[in-house]
């Protein structure tokens, strides 16, 4: 089975980007800081899924500003095809407390906050760090074992 996912790097005018903390009851990467992401199914367009992600999980509206890349990754129970975008908030402010989809959020300039989850195989965090030149393509984890997803 292939799971399609969109993820987003939301930036602000202060040079920061938004990271979210996964809830403790998540099956994959509980209590870890990552990027907002959402699964979707064809025929939904990835761009529409991205807008839905902002509305449903972050309680705001965004405008995509860049395509940052995509990655295919093998996982123990499924495969993932992830598309990473950059975006700006166009209406409202991100607030994960309202949606309850994440435990917390923070604006940061420090990409190293994503290294722990990237080291456990997070596709979006790895793609972000690759895009920022902090890891090399040959360092990408393209096959993730089940135990890597657990905390």
N, C-alpha and C. Protein backbone atom coordinates (compact mmCIF):
# COMPACT_ATOMS: atom_id res chain seq x y z
N UNK A 1 0.84 -1.17 0.00
CA UNK A 1 0.00 0.00 0.00
C UNK A 1 0.89 1.25 0.00
N UNK A 2 0.51 2.24 -0.80
CA UNK A 2 1.21 3.52 -0.82
C UNK A 2 0.37 4.56 -0.10
N UNK A 3 1.00 5.25 0.83
CA UNK A 3 0.36 6.33 1.57
C UNK A 3 0.92 7.64 0.99
N UNK A 4 0.02 8.49 0.49
CA UNK A 4 0.43 9.78 -0.05
C UNK A 4 0.34 10.83 1.05
N UNK A 5 1.36 11.67 1.15
CA UNK A 5 1.43 12.65 2.23
C UNK A 5 1.94 13.99 1.70
N UNK A 6 1.33 15.07 2.20
CA UNK A 6 1.88 16.40 1.98
C UNK A 6 2.39 16.91 3.32
N UNK A 7 3.49 17.64 3.27
CA UNK A 7 4.05 18.27 4.47
C UNK A 7 4.40 19.71 4.10
N UNK A 8 4.48 20.56 5.12
CA UNK A 8 4.70 21.97 4.82
C UNK A 8 5.69 22.62 5.80
N UNK A 9 6.53 23.48 5.23
CA UNK A 9 7.41 24.35 5.98
C UNK A 9 6.76 25.73 5.90
N UNK A 10 6.10 26.13 6.98
CA UNK A 10 5.46 27.44 7.01
C UNK A 10 6.46 28.44 7.58
N UNK A 11 6.75 29.47 6.80
CA UNK A 11 7.73 30.48 7.22
C UNK A 11 7.01 31.79 7.56
N UNK A 12 7.69 32.60 8.38
CA UNK A 12 7.14 33.92 8.71
C UNK A 12 8.13 35.01 8.30
N UNK A 13 7.78 36.23 8.57
CA UNK A 13 8.61 37.38 8.17
C UNK A 13 9.83 37.58 9.07
N UNK A 14 9.97 36.75 10.10
CA UNK A 14 11.12 36.85 11.02
C UNK A 14 12.18 35.79 10.71
N UNK A 15 12.03 35.09 9.58
CA UNK A 15 13.00 34.05 9.22
C UNK A 15 12.81 32.76 9.99
N UNK A 16 11.65 32.59 10.60
CA UNK A 16 11.37 31.39 11.38
C UNK A 16 10.47 30.45 10.58
N UNK A 17 10.44 29.19 11.00
CA UNK A 17 9.51 28.22 10.43
C UNK A 17 8.79 27.51 11.57
N UNK A 18 7.61 27.00 11.27
CA UNK A 18 6.76 26.37 12.28
C UNK A 18 7.07 24.88 12.41
N UNK A 19 7.27 24.43 13.65
CA UNK A 19 7.38 22.99 13.92
C UNK A 19 6.27 22.63 14.91
N UNK A 20 5.83 21.40 14.81
CA UNK A 20 4.76 20.91 15.67
C UNK A 20 5.24 19.68 16.44
N UNK A 21 4.71 19.53 17.65
CA UNK A 21 5.07 18.38 18.47
C UNK A 21 3.96 17.34 18.34
N UNK A 22 4.35 16.13 17.97
CA UNK A 22 3.39 15.06 17.82
C UNK A 22 2.84 14.65 19.19
N UNK A 23 1.60 14.23 19.21
CA UNK A 23 0.96 13.84 20.47
C UNK A 23 1.58 12.54 21.00
N UNK A 24 1.42 12.32 22.29
CA UNK A 24 1.99 11.13 22.93
C UNK A 24 1.29 9.84 22.51
N UNK A 25 0.05 9.95 22.01
CA UNK A 25 -0.68 8.75 21.60
C UNK A 25 -0.49 8.40 20.12
N UNK A 26 0.42 9.08 19.44
CA UNK A 26 0.71 8.78 18.04
C UNK A 26 1.45 7.44 17.94
N UNK A 27 1.13 6.68 16.90
CA UNK A 27 1.81 5.40 16.67
C UNK A 27 3.24 5.60 16.18
N UNK A 28 3.45 6.66 15.40
CA UNK A 28 4.77 6.93 14.84
C UNK A 28 5.32 8.24 15.39
N UNK A 29 6.53 8.19 15.88
CA UNK A 29 7.26 9.36 16.39
C UNK A 29 6.49 10.14 17.47
N UNK A 30 5.95 9.47 18.51
CA UNK A 30 5.23 10.21 19.55
C UNK A 30 6.15 11.19 20.28
N UNK A 31 5.59 12.33 20.68
CA UNK A 31 6.29 13.36 21.46
C UNK A 31 7.50 13.98 20.76
N UNK A 32 7.57 13.86 19.45
CA UNK A 32 8.72 14.41 18.73
C UNK A 32 8.31 15.63 17.92
N UNK A 33 9.25 16.57 17.77
CA UNK A 33 9.03 17.76 16.96
C UNK A 33 9.21 17.42 15.49
N UNK A 34 8.28 17.88 14.66
CA UNK A 34 8.33 17.63 13.23
C UNK A 34 7.63 18.73 12.47
N UNK A 35 7.41 18.48 11.20
CA UNK A 35 6.69 19.43 10.35
C UNK A 35 5.24 18.99 10.22
N UNK A 36 4.34 19.94 10.05
CA UNK A 36 2.94 19.56 9.83
C UNK A 36 2.80 18.72 8.56
N UNK A 37 2.01 17.65 8.64
CA UNK A 37 1.83 16.76 7.50
C UNK A 37 0.42 16.16 7.53
N UNK A 38 -0.01 15.70 6.36
CA UNK A 38 -1.35 15.15 6.21
C UNK A 38 -1.37 14.10 5.12
N UNK A 39 -2.01 12.97 5.38
CA UNK A 39 -2.21 11.94 4.36
C UNK A 39 -3.39 12.33 3.49
N UNK A 40 -3.31 11.94 2.22
CA UNK A 40 -4.43 12.18 1.31
C UNK A 40 -4.51 11.05 0.31
N UNK A 41 -5.63 10.97 -0.38
CA UNK A 41 -5.84 9.90 -1.36
C UNK A 41 -6.24 10.51 -2.70
N UNK A 42 -5.73 9.90 -3.79
CA UNK A 42 -6.20 10.33 -5.10
C UNK A 42 -7.70 10.14 -5.17
N UNK A 43 -8.44 10.99 -5.84
CA UNK A 43 -7.98 11.97 -6.82
C UNK A 43 -7.71 13.36 -6.24
N UNK A 44 -7.67 13.51 -4.89
CA UNK A 44 -7.39 14.84 -4.33
C UNK A 44 -6.02 15.32 -4.81
N UNK A 45 -5.95 16.56 -5.22
CA UNK A 45 -4.68 17.15 -5.63
C UNK A 45 -3.82 17.43 -4.41
N UNK A 46 -2.50 17.23 -4.51
CA UNK A 46 -1.63 17.52 -3.36
C UNK A 46 -1.77 18.96 -2.86
N UNK A 47 -1.94 19.91 -3.77
CA UNK A 47 -2.09 21.31 -3.38
C UNK A 47 -3.36 21.53 -2.57
N UNK A 48 -4.44 20.83 -2.92
CA UNK A 48 -5.68 20.93 -2.15
C UNK A 48 -5.52 20.27 -0.79
N UNK A 49 -4.79 19.16 -0.74
CA UNK A 49 -4.52 18.51 0.55
C UNK A 49 -3.70 19.43 1.45
N UNK A 50 -2.78 20.18 0.85
CA UNK A 50 -1.96 21.13 1.61
C UNK A 50 -2.83 22.21 2.26
N UNK A 51 -3.78 22.74 1.50
CA UNK A 51 -4.69 23.75 2.05
C UNK A 51 -5.57 23.16 3.14
N UNK A 52 -5.99 21.90 2.95
CA UNK A 52 -6.80 21.21 3.95
C UNK A 52 -5.99 20.96 5.23
N UNK A 53 -4.71 20.63 5.07
CA UNK A 53 -3.81 20.45 6.21
C UNK A 53 -3.80 21.70 7.09
N UNK A 54 -3.63 22.85 6.46
CA UNK A 54 -3.58 24.11 7.23
C UNK A 54 -4.90 24.35 7.95
N UNK A 55 -5.99 24.11 7.26
CA UNK A 55 -7.30 24.37 7.85
C UNK A 55 -7.63 23.39 8.97
N UNK A 56 -7.44 22.09 8.73
CA UNK A 56 -7.86 21.06 9.68
C UNK A 56 -6.90 20.89 10.86
N UNK A 57 -5.60 21.00 10.62
CA UNK A 57 -4.64 20.72 11.68
C UNK A 57 -4.05 21.97 12.34
N UNK A 58 -4.01 23.08 11.57
CA UNK A 58 -3.38 24.29 12.10
C UNK A 58 -4.35 25.44 12.31
N UNK A 59 -5.59 25.26 11.85
CA UNK A 59 -6.65 26.27 12.04
C UNK A 59 -6.29 27.63 11.45
N UNK A 60 -5.71 27.61 10.26
CA UNK A 60 -5.38 28.85 9.55
C UNK A 60 -5.43 28.57 8.05
N UNK A 61 -5.15 29.58 7.26
CA UNK A 61 -5.06 29.41 5.82
C UNK A 61 -3.65 29.77 5.37
N UNK A 62 -3.17 29.08 4.35
CA UNK A 62 -1.82 29.30 3.85
C UNK A 62 -1.83 29.48 2.34
N UNK A 63 -0.74 30.05 1.84
CA UNK A 63 -0.50 30.15 0.41
C UNK A 63 0.81 29.44 0.13
N UNK A 64 0.79 28.39 -0.69
CA UNK A 64 2.05 27.72 -1.05
C UNK A 64 2.96 28.69 -1.81
N UNK A 65 4.24 28.70 -1.48
CA UNK A 65 5.20 29.58 -2.14
C UNK A 65 6.29 28.83 -2.89
N UNK A 66 6.49 27.54 -2.56
CA UNK A 66 7.54 26.77 -3.24
C UNK A 66 7.32 25.27 -3.06
N UNK A 67 7.72 24.52 -4.06
CA UNK A 67 7.82 23.07 -3.99
C UNK A 67 9.25 22.77 -3.56
N UNK A 68 9.43 22.04 -2.47
CA UNK A 68 10.76 21.78 -1.94
C UNK A 68 11.30 20.40 -2.28
N UNK A 69 10.42 19.51 -2.75
CA UNK A 69 10.89 18.18 -3.14
C UNK A 69 9.91 17.10 -2.77
N UNK A 70 10.29 15.88 -3.14
CA UNK A 70 9.46 14.71 -2.81
C UNK A 70 10.39 13.55 -2.49
N UNK A 71 9.83 12.56 -1.81
CA UNK A 71 10.62 11.40 -1.40
C UNK A 71 9.71 10.17 -1.35
N UNK A 72 10.25 9.03 -1.74
CA UNK A 72 9.56 7.75 -1.62
C UNK A 72 10.32 6.96 -0.57
N UNK A 73 9.57 6.41 0.38
CA UNK A 73 10.20 5.69 1.49
C UNK A 73 9.45 4.40 1.78
N UNK A 74 10.20 3.33 2.01
CA UNK A 74 9.61 2.05 2.39
C UNK A 74 9.51 1.99 3.91
N UNK A 75 8.34 1.62 4.38
CA UNK A 75 8.11 1.40 5.81
C UNK A 75 7.68 -0.04 5.99
N UNK A 76 7.62 -0.50 7.24
CA UNK A 76 7.34 -1.92 7.48
C UNK A 76 5.95 -2.34 7.01
N UNK A 77 4.94 -1.49 7.20
CA UNK A 77 3.57 -1.87 6.86
C UNK A 77 3.04 -1.20 5.60
N UNK A 78 3.77 -0.24 5.06
CA UNK A 78 3.30 0.51 3.89
C UNK A 78 4.48 1.30 3.31
N UNK A 79 4.26 1.87 2.14
CA UNK A 79 5.23 2.77 1.54
C UNK A 79 4.66 4.18 1.58
N UNK A 80 5.54 5.17 1.60
CA UNK A 80 5.10 6.56 1.69
C UNK A 80 5.68 7.35 0.52
N UNK A 81 4.83 8.16 -0.08
CA UNK A 81 5.25 9.12 -1.09
C UNK A 81 4.90 10.49 -0.54
N UNK A 82 5.92 11.27 -0.19
CA UNK A 82 5.72 12.55 0.48
C UNK A 82 6.16 13.70 -0.42
N UNK A 83 5.35 14.76 -0.41
CA UNK A 83 5.66 15.98 -1.15
C UNK A 83 5.78 17.10 -0.13
N UNK A 84 6.89 17.85 -0.20
CA UNK A 84 7.15 18.92 0.76
C UNK A 84 7.03 20.28 0.07
N UNK A 85 6.25 21.16 0.69
CA UNK A 85 6.05 22.52 0.20
C UNK A 85 6.53 23.53 1.23
N UNK A 86 6.77 24.74 0.76
CA UNK A 86 6.96 25.88 1.64
C UNK A 86 5.73 26.77 1.47
N UNK A 87 5.33 27.45 2.54
CA UNK A 87 4.12 28.28 2.48
C UNK A 87 4.22 29.43 3.47
N UNK A 88 3.33 30.40 3.28
CA UNK A 88 3.16 31.52 4.19
C UNK A 88 1.73 31.51 4.69
N UNK A 89 1.50 31.99 5.89
CA UNK A 89 0.15 32.12 6.42
C UNK A 89 -0.54 33.27 5.70
N UNK A 90 -1.76 33.02 5.22
CA UNK A 90 -2.51 34.07 4.53
C UNK A 90 -3.69 34.59 5.36
N UNK A 91 -4.16 33.77 6.30
CA UNK A 91 -5.28 34.18 7.13
C UNK A 91 -5.21 33.45 8.46
N UNK A 92 -5.37 34.22 9.55
CA UNK A 92 -5.32 33.63 10.88
C UNK A 92 -3.89 33.38 11.32
N UNK A 93 -3.76 32.62 12.37
CA UNK A 93 -2.45 32.21 12.91
C UNK A 93 -2.52 30.73 13.23
N UNK A 94 -1.47 29.97 12.95
CA UNK A 94 -1.49 28.55 13.31
C UNK A 94 -1.76 28.37 14.80
N UNK A 95 -2.65 27.42 15.13
CA UNK A 95 -2.99 27.17 16.52
C UNK A 95 -3.38 25.71 16.68
N UNK A 96 -2.42 24.88 17.02
CA UNK A 96 -2.68 23.44 17.15
C UNK A 96 -3.51 23.10 18.38
N UNK A 97 -3.57 24.01 19.33
CA UNK A 97 -4.38 23.77 20.54
C UNK A 97 -5.87 23.68 20.19
N UNK A 98 -6.30 24.46 19.19
CA UNK A 98 -7.71 24.44 18.78
C UNK A 98 -8.06 23.10 18.13
N UNK A 99 -7.22 22.66 17.20
CA UNK A 99 -7.54 21.43 16.46
C UNK A 99 -7.28 20.18 17.30
N UNK A 100 -6.30 20.23 18.19
CA UNK A 100 -5.93 19.06 18.99
C UNK A 100 -5.18 18.00 18.20
N UNK A 101 -4.79 18.32 16.97
CA UNK A 101 -4.10 17.33 16.12
C UNK A 101 -2.63 17.16 16.50
N UNK A 102 -2.08 18.18 17.17
CA UNK A 102 -0.70 18.13 17.65
C UNK A 102 -0.69 18.58 19.11
N UNK A 103 0.38 18.24 19.83
CA UNK A 103 0.49 18.59 21.24
C UNK A 103 0.94 20.03 21.46
N UNK A 104 1.77 20.55 20.54
CA UNK A 104 2.31 21.89 20.72
C UNK A 104 2.87 22.39 19.40
N UNK A 105 3.26 23.65 19.38
CA UNK A 105 3.87 24.25 18.20
C UNK A 105 4.87 25.30 18.66
N UNK A 106 5.85 25.58 17.80
CA UNK A 106 6.81 26.64 18.08
C UNK A 106 7.37 27.16 16.76
N UNK A 107 7.61 28.46 16.71
CA UNK A 107 8.32 29.07 15.59
C UNK A 107 9.80 29.05 15.95
N UNK A 108 10.66 28.65 15.01
CA UNK A 108 12.09 28.56 15.29
C UNK A 108 12.90 28.91 14.05
N UNK A 109 14.14 29.29 14.29
CA UNK A 109 15.10 29.49 13.19
C UNK A 109 16.08 28.33 13.13
N UNK A 110 15.99 27.43 14.10
CA UNK A 110 16.98 26.37 14.28
C UNK A 110 16.51 25.04 13.68
N UNK A 111 17.04 24.67 12.51
CA UNK A 111 16.62 23.42 11.89
C UNK A 111 17.05 22.17 12.66
N UNK A 112 17.98 22.31 13.61
CA UNK A 112 18.45 21.12 14.35
C UNK A 112 17.35 20.52 15.22
N UNK A 113 16.27 21.27 15.45
CA UNK A 113 15.13 20.72 16.21
C UNK A 113 14.54 19.50 15.49
N UNK A 114 14.78 19.40 14.18
CA UNK A 114 14.23 18.29 13.39
C UNK A 114 15.19 17.11 13.24
N UNK A 115 16.41 17.24 13.72
CA UNK A 115 17.39 16.16 13.57
C UNK A 115 16.95 14.88 14.30
N UNK A 116 16.44 14.94 15.55
CA UNK A 116 16.03 13.69 16.21
C UNK A 116 14.98 12.90 15.42
N UNK A 117 13.96 13.57 14.90
CA UNK A 117 12.91 12.86 14.17
C UNK A 117 13.42 12.42 12.80
N UNK A 118 14.31 13.20 12.20
CA UNK A 118 14.91 12.81 10.92
C UNK A 118 15.74 11.54 11.09
N UNK A 119 16.46 11.45 12.20
CA UNK A 119 17.28 10.26 12.47
C UNK A 119 16.44 9.01 12.70
N UNK A 120 15.16 9.20 13.01
CA UNK A 120 14.25 8.07 13.18
C UNK A 120 13.46 7.81 11.89
N UNK A 121 13.83 8.50 10.81
CA UNK A 121 13.25 8.19 9.52
C UNK A 121 12.16 9.12 9.01
N UNK A 122 11.84 10.20 9.72
CA UNK A 122 10.81 11.11 9.24
C UNK A 122 11.15 11.62 7.84
N UNK A 123 10.29 11.31 6.89
CA UNK A 123 10.53 11.68 5.50
C UNK A 123 10.55 13.19 5.32
N UNK A 124 9.58 13.90 5.92
CA UNK A 124 9.51 15.35 5.72
C UNK A 124 10.68 16.07 6.40
N UNK A 125 11.08 15.63 7.58
CA UNK A 125 12.21 16.26 8.26
C UNK A 125 13.51 16.03 7.48
N UNK A 126 13.69 14.83 6.96
CA UNK A 126 14.88 14.55 6.16
C UNK A 126 14.92 15.41 4.91
N UNK A 127 13.79 15.53 4.23
CA UNK A 127 13.72 16.32 3.01
C UNK A 127 14.00 17.79 3.30
N UNK A 128 13.48 18.29 4.42
CA UNK A 128 13.74 19.67 4.84
C UNK A 128 15.23 19.88 5.08
N UNK A 129 15.86 18.98 5.85
CA UNK A 129 17.28 19.10 6.15
C UNK A 129 18.14 18.97 4.89
N UNK A 130 17.72 18.13 3.96
CA UNK A 130 18.41 18.02 2.68
C UNK A 130 18.30 19.34 1.91
N UNK A 131 17.11 19.91 1.90
CA UNK A 131 16.86 21.17 1.21
C UNK A 131 17.70 22.30 1.79
N UNK A 132 17.95 22.25 3.09
CA UNK A 132 18.74 23.28 3.77
C UNK A 132 20.24 22.99 3.71
N UNK A 133 20.62 21.88 3.09
CA UNK A 133 22.03 21.53 2.97
C UNK A 133 22.64 20.96 4.22
N UNK A 134 21.80 20.48 5.16
CA UNK A 134 22.30 19.96 6.43
C UNK A 134 22.55 18.46 6.41
N UNK A 135 22.00 17.78 5.43
CA UNK A 135 22.33 16.37 5.19
C UNK A 135 22.52 16.20 3.69
N UNK A 136 23.18 15.11 3.32
CA UNK A 136 23.42 14.81 1.91
C UNK A 136 22.42 13.77 1.44
N UNK A 137 22.20 13.73 0.15
CA UNK A 137 21.23 12.80 -0.42
C UNK A 137 21.53 11.35 -0.05
N UNK A 138 22.80 11.00 0.00
CA UNK A 138 23.18 9.62 0.35
C UNK A 138 22.91 9.29 1.82
N UNK A 139 22.61 10.28 2.63
CA UNK A 139 22.29 10.06 4.04
C UNK A 139 20.79 9.84 4.29
N UNK A 140 19.98 10.03 3.27
CA UNK A 140 18.53 9.84 3.43
C UNK A 140 18.21 8.41 3.83
N UNK A 141 17.30 8.25 4.77
CA UNK A 141 16.84 6.92 5.18
C UNK A 141 15.63 6.60 4.31
N UNK A 142 15.81 5.68 3.38
CA UNK A 142 14.76 5.36 2.42
C UNK A 142 13.99 4.09 2.77
N UNK A 143 14.46 3.40 3.80
CA UNK A 143 13.74 2.24 4.31
C UNK A 143 13.72 2.33 5.83
N UNK A 144 12.53 2.38 6.40
CA UNK A 144 12.37 2.61 7.83
C UNK A 144 11.84 1.34 8.50
N UNK A 145 12.55 0.87 9.49
CA UNK A 145 12.12 -0.29 10.27
C UNK A 145 11.10 0.17 11.32
N UNK A 146 10.20 -0.71 11.69
CA UNK A 146 9.12 -0.38 12.62
C UNK A 146 9.63 0.20 13.94
N UNK A 147 10.70 -0.35 14.47
CA UNK A 147 11.22 0.12 15.76
C UNK A 147 11.76 1.56 15.68
N UNK A 148 12.10 2.03 14.48
CA UNK A 148 12.57 3.41 14.33
C UNK A 148 11.41 4.40 14.50
N UNK A 149 10.19 3.97 14.23
CA UNK A 149 9.03 4.85 14.29
C UNK A 149 8.54 5.04 15.72
N UNK A 150 8.91 4.13 16.60
CA UNK A 150 8.48 4.21 17.99
C UNK A 150 9.45 5.08 18.76
N UNK A 151 9.02 5.63 19.87
CA UNK A 151 9.87 6.52 20.64
C UNK A 151 10.79 5.77 21.56
